[in-house]
């Protein structure tokens, strides 16, 4: 009997978890809704080809500016170290590259394609190498 009660309780918790995940999926707006002028451009099937990363006057913020007018070129095949004091924007730089942190202005390109304007679904559909 104790095992049946334990199993029943675990099943109820699992159902609750599934319900919360479904609610999150249904209630969370698409990131593309926040992108003014988002073209939903489809990226080429072989993208990225070389891996050139360029930041052009990027301003990114969640509530307060995290990056202000950042310009940076990273050549293909190079290793780049970003270092700085706590709160200097290292994580924000990576989060903006991954389109997790919203970009207020400027542009980030990988191999010449504006990653912020490209469709998230098109990028995530690319096979990983």
Protein backbone atom coordinates (compact mmCIF):
# COMPACT_ATOMS: atom_id res chain seq x y z
CA UNK A 1 0.00 0.00 0.00
CA UNK A 2 2.83 2.40 0.86
CA UNK A 3 4.42 1.78 -2.54
CA UNK A 4 1.12 2.52 -4.31
CA UNK A 5 0.77 5.84 -2.45
CA UNK A 6 4.38 6.75 -3.25
CA UNK A 7 3.88 5.90 -6.95
CA UNK A 8 0.61 7.87 -7.07
CA UNK A 9 2.28 10.91 -5.48
CA UNK A 10 5.18 10.79 -7.96
CA UNK A 11 2.72 10.54 -10.86
CA UNK A 12 0.79 13.59 -9.60
CA UNK A 13 4.04 15.58 -9.31
CA UNK A 14 5.02 14.56 -12.84
CA UNK A 15 1.66 15.62 -14.22
CA UNK A 16 2.05 18.96 -12.44
CA UNK A 17 5.49 19.39 -14.01
CA UNK A 18 4.15 18.68 -17.50
CA UNK A 19 1.33 21.15 -16.91
CA UNK A 20 3.79 23.89 -15.85
CA UNK A 21 5.98 23.27 -18.92
CA UNK A 22 2.93 23.44 -21.20
CA UNK A 23 1.86 26.69 -19.53
CA UNK A 24 5.35 28.13 -20.00
CA UNK A 25 5.36 27.22 -23.69
CA UNK A 26 1.87 28.66 -24.23
CA UNK A 27 2.38 31.86 -22.20
CA UNK A 28 5.90 32.81 -23.36
CA UNK A 29 5.82 35.04 -26.44
CA UNK A 30 8.06 34.25 -29.38
CA UNK A 31 11.37 36.09 -29.36
CA UNK A 32 10.70 37.14 -32.95
CA UNK A 33 7.84 39.35 -31.68
CA UNK A 34 10.40 41.63 -30.02
CA UNK A 35 12.46 42.17 -33.14
CA UNK A 36 11.41 45.27 -35.02
CA UNK A 37 11.80 44.72 -38.72
CA UNK A 38 12.64 41.05 -38.30
CA UNK A 39 12.75 39.70 -41.80
CA UNK A 40 12.81 36.07 -40.78
CA UNK A 41 15.54 35.59 -43.38
CA UNK A 42 16.53 32.01 -43.94
CA UNK A 43 20.22 31.36 -43.57
CA UNK A 44 22.10 29.28 -46.15
CA UNK A 45 22.32 25.55 -45.46
CA UNK A 46 26.12 25.69 -45.18
CA UNK A 47 26.13 28.68 -42.79
CA UNK A 48 28.39 29.48 -41.04
CA UNK A 49 31.16 28.79 -43.52
CA UNK A 50 34.21 30.47 -42.02
CA UNK A 51 33.08 31.89 -38.66
CA UNK A 52 33.90 35.59 -38.97
CA UNK A 53 32.10 37.42 -36.13
CA UNK A 54 31.54 41.18 -36.23
CA UNK A 55 29.88 43.47 -33.69
CA UNK A 56 29.01 46.90 -35.12
CA UNK A 57 28.07 49.60 -32.57
CA UNK A 58 26.00 47.10 -30.55
CA UNK A 59 23.85 48.43 -27.73
CA UNK A 60 22.23 45.63 -25.73
CA UNK A 61 20.17 45.76 -22.56
CA UNK A 62 17.66 43.90 -20.48
CA UNK A 63 16.62 46.69 -18.09
CA UNK A 64 19.73 48.85 -18.03
CA UNK A 65 22.36 49.08 -20.80
CA UNK A 66 24.73 46.12 -20.55
CA UNK A 67 26.69 46.90 -23.72
CA UNK A 68 27.07 50.37 -25.19
CA UNK A 69 28.42 50.95 -28.73
CA UNK A 70 30.52 47.79 -28.81
CA UNK A 71 32.44 47.16 -32.04
CA UNK A 72 34.53 44.04 -32.38
CA UNK A 73 35.86 41.88 -35.22
CA UNK A 74 36.86 38.27 -34.60
CA UNK A 75 38.63 36.67 -37.55
CA UNK A 76 37.76 33.12 -38.58
CA UNK A 77 39.86 30.42 -36.93
CA UNK A 78 41.16 32.64 -34.14
CA UNK A 79 40.72 32.21 -30.41
CA UNK A 80 39.63 35.32 -28.57
CA UNK A 81 39.86 35.89 -24.83
CA UNK A 82 37.39 38.32 -23.29
CA UNK A 83 38.42 39.40 -19.82
CA UNK A 84 37.33 42.14 -17.48
CA UNK A 85 36.08 42.99 -14.04
CA UNK A 86 32.84 41.65 -12.64
CA UNK A 87 29.95 43.45 -14.32
CA UNK A 88 32.02 44.68 -17.26
CA UNK A 89 29.86 42.95 -19.89
CA UNK A 90 31.60 39.66 -20.67
CA UNK A 91 28.46 37.57 -20.23
CA UNK A 92 26.32 40.21 -21.94
CA UNK A 93 28.63 40.06 -24.96
CA UNK A 94 28.10 36.30 -25.28
CA UNK A 95 24.38 36.55 -24.56
CA UNK A 96 23.95 39.16 -27.29
CA UNK A 97 25.90 36.97 -29.74
CA UNK A 98 23.50 34.11 -28.98
CA UNK A 99 20.46 36.44 -29.32
CA UNK A 100 19.52 35.86 -25.68
CA UNK A 101 20.04 39.51 -24.74
CA UNK A 102 17.96 41.89 -26.85
CA UNK A 103 19.88 44.30 -29.05
CA UNK A 104 18.58 47.87 -28.96
CA UNK A 105 20.75 49.01 -31.86
CA UNK A 106 23.73 47.95 -33.90
CA UNK A 107 24.39 44.69 -35.64
CA UNK A 108 26.07 41.34 -35.02
CA UNK A 109 27.03 39.30 -38.05
CA UNK A 110 28.50 35.86 -38.51
CA UNK A 111 29.95 35.40 -41.98
CA UNK A 112 28.10 38.53 -43.09
CA UNK A 113 24.65 37.39 -41.96
CA UNK A 114 22.89 39.53 -39.35
CA UNK A 115 22.18 36.96 -36.64
CA UNK A 116 19.63 39.15 -34.88
CA UNK A 117 17.44 39.61 -37.93
CA UNK A 118 17.74 36.02 -39.14
CA UNK A 119 14.94 33.73 -38.06
CA UNK A 120 15.69 31.92 -34.81
CA UNK A 121 13.96 28.86 -36.19
CA UNK A 122 16.09 28.92 -39.34
CA UNK A 123 19.28 29.09 -37.26
CA UNK A 124 18.24 26.37 -34.85
CA UNK A 125 17.27 24.09 -37.74
CA UNK A 126 20.87 24.01 -38.96
CA UNK A 127 22.64 20.70 -38.24
CA UNK A 128 25.41 20.94 -35.69
CA UNK A 129 28.91 20.09 -36.82
